[in-house]
Amino acid sequence: MTDTGTADITAEDTTAGTETTADEVASEGATEDTTDSDANADGHQDDDTAETFPRAYVEKLRGQNAKYRDRAKVADTYAQRLHAELVRATGRLADPSDLEFDEDHLDDPDAMAAAVDDLLAAKPHLASRRPTGDIGQGNRGGASEPFSLLGLLKERT
């Protein structure tokens, strides 16, 4: 079953509303030409006339850039390791990674000391727990001889 009102649509019916005159086509072409000439007058270049570089030169530049990016990554890694070791050398923090990396700490030891002070004031549980003083471990000198009853009798006689 088909609906007789919509089944018999012809090509003429679909294009009837989209007919254009020759004048309209000519005016559209004229506006496109003026926009291209305006773009060239503004100093923009077409894609055909754009300046290009030889492939070998571009590959050389890309290789240099990749090398510099790798160097920068390595330098950043070394700077972070140096920062961690400088913080560890202070001996004030249990874990040197608790203090976040800051390049200013590498150049200014006072800034790093102030940052450690601020961190320990805010979070005292991060302080190093290294025991100091006499804690009762290790060599305490020569051990005395154990008590001997025979030794006591010999002393008295």
C-alpha atoms as a PDB file:
ATOM      1  CA  MET A   1       0.000   0.000   0.000  1.00  0.00           C
ATOM      2  CA  THR A   2       1.346   3.357  -0.991  1.00  0.00           C
ATOM      3  CA  ASP A   3       0.038   6.757  -0.309  1.00  0.00           C
ATOM      4  CA  THR A   4      -0.978   8.129  -3.694  1.00  0.00           C
ATOM      5  CA  GLY A   5      -0.398  11.730  -2.677  1.00  0.00           C
ATOM      6  CA  THR A   6       3.333  11.382  -1.904  1.00  0.00           C
ATOM      7  CA  ALA A   7       4.457   8.438  -4.012  1.00  0.00           C
ATOM      8  CA  ASP A   8       4.473  10.194  -7.390  1.00  0.00           C
ATOM      9  CA  ILE A   9       6.950  13.051  -6.841  1.00  0.00           C
ATOM     10  CA  THR A  10       8.915  13.913  -9.963  1.00  0.00           C
ATOM     11  CA  ALA A  11      12.283  15.568 -10.391  1.00  0.00           C
ATOM     12  CA  GLU A  12      10.574  18.690 -11.708  1.00  0.00           C
ATOM     13  CA  ASP A  13       8.674  19.038  -8.448  1.00  0.00           C
ATOM     14  CA  THR A  14      11.857  18.871  -6.335  1.00  0.00           C
ATOM     15  CA  THR A  15      13.811  21.421  -8.408  1.00  0.00           C
ATOM     16  CA  ALA A  16      10.968  23.835  -8.990  1.00  0.00           C
ATOM     17  CA  GLY A  17      11.785  25.988  -5.967  1.00  0.00           C
ATOM     18  CA  THR A  18      15.536  26.088  -6.551  1.00  0.00           C
ATOM     19  CA  GLU A  19      15.734  27.525 -10.040  1.00  0.00           C
ATOM     20  CA  THR A  20      18.241  30.351 -10.450  1.00  0.00           C
ATOM     21  CA  THR A  21      18.552  32.811 -13.234  1.00  0.00           C
ATOM     22  CA  ALA A  22      21.690  33.552 -15.193  1.00  0.00           C
ATOM     23  CA  ASP A  23      21.871  37.011 -13.597  1.00  0.00           C
ATOM     24  CA  GLU A  24      21.992  35.489 -10.115  1.00  0.00           C
ATOM     25  CA  VAL A  25      24.782  33.109 -11.126  1.00  0.00           C
ATOM     26  CA  ALA A  26      26.788  35.954 -12.653  1.00  0.00           C
ATOM     27  CA  SER A  27      26.384  38.133  -9.579  1.00  0.00           C
ATOM     28  CA  GLU A  28      27.517  35.278  -7.292  1.00  0.00           C
ATOM     29  CA  GLY A  29      30.639  34.750  -9.405  1.00  0.00           C
ATOM     30  CA  ALA A  30      31.401  38.463  -9.270  1.00  0.00           C
ATOM     31  CA  THR A  31      31.271  38.546  -5.482  1.00  0.00           C
ATOM     32  CA  GLU A  32      33.613  35.584  -5.236  1.00  0.00           C
ATOM     33  CA  ASP A  33      36.123  37.264  -7.548  1.00  0.00           C
ATOM     34  CA  THR A  34      36.103  40.467  -5.532  1.00  0.00           C
ATOM     35  CA  THR A  35      36.738  38.608  -2.288  1.00  0.00           C
ATOM     36  CA  ASP A  36      39.795  36.897  -3.807  1.00  0.00           C
ATOM     37  CA  SER A  37      41.200  40.179  -5.095  1.00  0.00           C
ATOM     38  CA  ASP A  38      40.485  41.844  -1.729  1.00  0.00           C
ATOM     39  CA  ALA A  39      42.432  39.120   0.067  1.00  0.00           C
ATOM     40  CA  ASN A  40      45.431  39.666  -2.190  1.00  0.00           C
ATOM     41  CA  ALA A  41      45.188  43.426  -1.738  1.00  0.00           C
ATOM     42  CA  ASP A  42      45.256  42.967   2.048  1.00  0.00           C
ATOM     43  CA  GLY A  43      48.627  41.242   1.808  1.00  0.00           C
ATOM     44  CA  HIS A  44      47.493  37.656   2.286  1.00  0.00           C
ATOM     45  CA  GLN A  45      49.053  35.147  -0.050  1.00  0.00           C
ATOM     46  CA  ASP A  46      47.269  32.350  -1.824  1.00  0.00           C
ATOM     47  CA  ASP A  47      48.212  28.791  -0.955  1.00  0.00           C
ATOM     48  CA  ASP A  48      49.851  28.378  -4.352  1.00  0.00           C
ATOM     49  CA  THR A  49      52.285  31.247  -3.826  1.00  0.00           C
ATOM     50  CA  ALA A  50      53.082  30.566  -0.142  1.00  0.00           C
ATOM     51  CA  GLU A  51      56.783  30.309   0.674  1.00  0.00           C
ATOM     52  CA  THR A  52      58.010  26.762   1.272  1.00  0.00           C
ATOM     53  CA  PHE A  53      61.327  25.436   2.514  1.00  0.00           C
ATOM     54  CA  PRO A  54      63.273  22.434   1.243  1.00  0.00           C
ATOM     55  CA  ARG A  55      62.425  19.160   2.935  1.00  0.00           C
ATOM     56  CA  ALA A  56      66.003  18.570   4.125  1.00  0.00           C
ATOM     57  CA  TYR A  57      66.093  21.976   5.837  1.00  0.00           C
ATOM     58  CA  VAL A  58      62.787  21.354   7.613  1.00  0.00           C
ATOM     59  CA  GLU A  59      63.941  17.912   8.771  1.00  0.00           C
ATOM     60  CA  LYS A  60      67.184  19.445  10.064  1.00  0.00           C
ATOM     61  CA  LEU A  61      65.225  22.044  12.058  1.00  0.00           C
ATOM     62  CA  ARG A  62      62.899  19.396  13.460  1.00  0.00           C
ATOM     63  CA  GLY A  63      65.890  17.286  14.490  1.00  0.00           C
ATOM     64  CA  GLN A  64      67.485  20.244  16.265  1.00  0.00           C
ATOM     65  CA  ASN A  65      64.229  21.031  18.052  1.00  0.00           C
ATOM     66  CA  ALA A  66      63.884  17.417  19.181  1.00  0.00           C
ATOM     67  CA  LYS A  67      67.448  17.492  20.507  1.00  0.00           C
ATOM     68  CA  TYR A  68      66.762  20.703  22.445  1.00  0.00           C
ATOM     69  CA  ARG A  69      63.540  19.254  23.877  1.00  0.00           C
ATOM     70  CA  ASP A  70      65.460  16.186  25.066  1.00  0.00           C
ATOM     71  CA  ARG A  71      68.123  18.404  26.654  1.00  0.00           C
ATOM     72  CA  ALA A  72      65.441  20.425  28.416  1.00  0.00           C
ATOM     73  CA  LYS A  73      63.841  17.249  29.793  1.00  0.00           C
ATOM     74  CA  VAL A  74      67.208  16.018  31.075  1.00  0.00           C
ATOM     75  CA  ALA A  75      67.972  19.428  32.598  1.00  0.00           C
ATOM     76  CA  ASP A  76      64.600  19.438  34.361  1.00  0.00           C
ATOM     77  CA  THR A  77      65.249  15.954  35.711  1.00  0.00           C
ATOM     78  CA  TYR A  78      68.686  16.966  37.009  1.00  0.00           C
ATOM     79  CA  ALA A  79      67.276  20.129  38.577  1.00  0.00           C
ATOM     80  CA  GLN A  80      64.623  18.120  40.424  1.00  0.00           C
ATOM     81  CA  ARG A  81      67.214  15.612  41.635  1.00  0.00           C
ATOM     82  CA  LEU A  82      69.484  18.440  42.803  1.00  0.00           C
ATOM     83  CA  HIS A  83      66.588  20.030  44.663  1.00  0.00           C
ATOM     84  CA  ALA A  84      65.786  16.741  46.407  1.00  0.00           C
ATOM     85  CA  GLU A  85      69.431  16.275  47.434  1.00  0.00           C
ATOM     86  CA  LEU A  86      69.709  19.838  48.742  1.00  0.00           C
ATOM     87  CA  VAL A  87      66.605  19.287  50.860  1.00  0.00           C
ATOM     88  CA  ARG A  88      67.982  15.931  52.048  1.00  0.00           C
ATOM     89  CA  ALA A  89      71.274  17.627  52.997  1.00  0.00           C
ATOM     90  CA  THR A  90      69.444  19.897  55.422  1.00  0.00           C
ATOM     91  CA  GLY A  91      68.346  16.806  57.350  1.00  0.00           C
ATOM     92  CA  ARG A  92      65.218  18.540  58.551  1.00  0.00           C
ATOM     93  CA  LEU A  93      62.637  16.585  56.537  1.00  0.00           C
ATOM     94  CA  ALA A  94      62.028  12.843  56.751  1.00  0.00           C
ATOM     95  CA  ASP A  95      61.271  12.693  53.026  1.00  0.00           C
ATOM     96  CA  PRO A  96      62.833  15.343  50.758  1.00  0.00           C
ATOM     97  CA  SER A  97      60.042  14.929  48.210  1.00  0.00           C
ATOM     98  CA  ASP A  98      57.631  16.523  50.704  1.00  0.00           C
ATOM     99  CA  LEU A  99      58.927  19.954  49.674  1.00  0.00           C
ATOM    100  CA  GLU A 100      57.706  20.707  46.165  1.00  0.00           C
ATOM    101  CA  PHE A 101      60.226  21.623  43.480  1.00  0.00           C
ATOM    102  CA  ASP A 102      60.908  25.312  42.981  1.00  0.00           C
ATOM    103  CA  GLU A 103      63.744  26.639  40.823  1.00  0.00           C
ATOM    104  CA  ASP A 104      64.250  29.561  43.205  1.00  0.00           C
ATOM    105  CA  HIS A 105      65.412  27.105  45.880  1.00  0.00           C
ATOM    106  CA  LEU A 106      68.350  26.073  43.684  1.00  0.00           C
ATOM    107  CA  ASP A 107      69.685  29.622  43.444  1.00  0.00           C
ATOM    108  CA  ASP A 108      68.861  30.877  46.941  1.00  0.00           C
ATOM    109  CA  PRO A 109      69.583  28.612  49.948  1.00  0.00           C
ATOM    110  CA  ASP A 110      67.820  31.071  52.243  1.00  0.00           C
ATOM    111  CA  ALA A 111      64.617  30.705  50.229  1.00  0.00           C
ATOM    112  CA  MET A 112      64.856  26.924  50.535  1.00  0.00           C
ATOM    113  CA  ALA A 113      65.455  27.148  54.301  1.00  0.00           C
ATOM    114  CA  ALA A 114      62.458  29.465  54.622  1.00  0.00           C
ATOM    115  CA  ALA A 115      60.328  27.062  52.575  1.00  0.00           C
ATOM    116  CA  VAL A 116      61.366  24.143  54.804  1.00  0.00           C
ATOM    117  CA  ASP A 117      60.568  26.240  57.896  1.00  0.00           C
ATOM    118  CA  ASP A 118      57.137  27.127  56.518  1.00  0.00           C
ATOM    119  CA  LEU A 119      56.426  23.506  55.623  1.00  0.00           C
ATOM    120  CA  LEU A 120      57.444  22.263  59.071  1.00  0.00           C
ATOM    121  CA  ALA A 121      55.362  24.968  60.741  1.00  0.00           C
ATOM    122  CA  ALA A 122      52.313  23.889  58.733  1.00  0.00           C
ATOM    123  CA  LYS A 123      52.985  20.137  58.937  1.00  0.00           C
ATOM    124  CA  PRO A 124      55.267  19.242  61.867  1.00  0.00           C
ATOM    125  CA  HIS A 125      54.752  15.508  61.297  1.00  0.00           C
ATOM    126  CA  LEU A 126      57.004  15.769  58.215  1.00  0.00           C
ATOM    127  CA  ALA A 127      60.057  16.586  60.350  1.00  0.00           C
ATOM    128  CA  SER A 128      62.958  14.180  60.483  1.00  0.00           C
ATOM    129  CA  ARG A 129      62.737  11.774  63.401  1.00  0.00           C
ATOM    130  CA  ARG A 130      66.408  11.065  63.711  1.00  0.00           C
ATOM    131  CA  PRO A 131      67.194  10.385  67.375  1.00  0.00           C
ATOM    132  CA  THR A 132      69.976  12.429  68.911  1.00  0.00           C
ATOM    133  CA  GLY A 133      71.889  12.095  72.152  1.00  0.00           C
ATOM    134  CA  ASP A 134      72.336   8.967  74.270  1.00  0.00           C
ATOM    135  CA  ILE A 135      69.554   6.557  73.462  1.00  0.00           C
ATOM    136  CA  GLY A 136      71.018   3.538  75.247  1.00  0.00           C
ATOM    137  CA  GLN A 137      72.234   1.635  72.225  1.00  0.00           C
ATOM    138  CA  GLY A 138      75.674   0.704  71.007  1.00  0.00           C
ATOM    139  CA  ASN A 139      78.958   0.056  72.814  1.00  0.00           C
ATOM    140  CA  ARG A 140      78.687   1.374  76.363  1.00  0.00           C
ATOM    141  CA  GLY A 141      82.208   0.539  77.471  1.00  0.00           C
ATOM    142  CA  GLY A 142      83.694  -2.596  78.982  1.00  0.00           C
ATOM    143  CA  ALA A 143      81.280  -4.908  80.692  1.00  0.00           C
ATOM    144  CA  SER A 144      81.949  -5.657  84.339  1.00  0.00           C
ATOM    145  CA  GLU A 145      82.575  -9.237  85.334  1.00  0.00           C
ATOM    146  CA  PRO A 146      79.576 -11.144  86.597  1.00  0.00           C
ATOM    147  CA  PHE A 147      79.216 -11.518  90.372  1.00  0.00           C
ATOM    148  CA  SER A 148      81.187 -14.401  91.761  1.00  0.00           C
ATOM    149  CA  LEU A 149      80.979 -15.643  95.351  1.00  0.00           C
ATOM    150  CA  LEU A 150      84.465 -17.153  95.080  1.00  0.00           C
ATOM    151  CA  GLY A 151      85.865 -13.773  93.977  1.00  0.00           C
ATOM    152  CA  LEU A 152      84.217 -12.106  96.990  1.00  0.00           C
ATOM    153  CA  LEU A 153      85.754 -14.625  99.427  1.00  0.00           C
ATOM    154  CA  LYS A 154      89.199 -14.177  97.893  1.00  0.00           C
ATOM    155  CA  GLU A 155      88.972 -10.429  98.385  1.00  0.00           C
ATOM    156  CA  ARG A 156      88.157 -10.813 102.101  1.00  0.00           C
ATOM    157  CA  THR A 157      90.947 -13.150 102.938  1.00  0.00           C
END
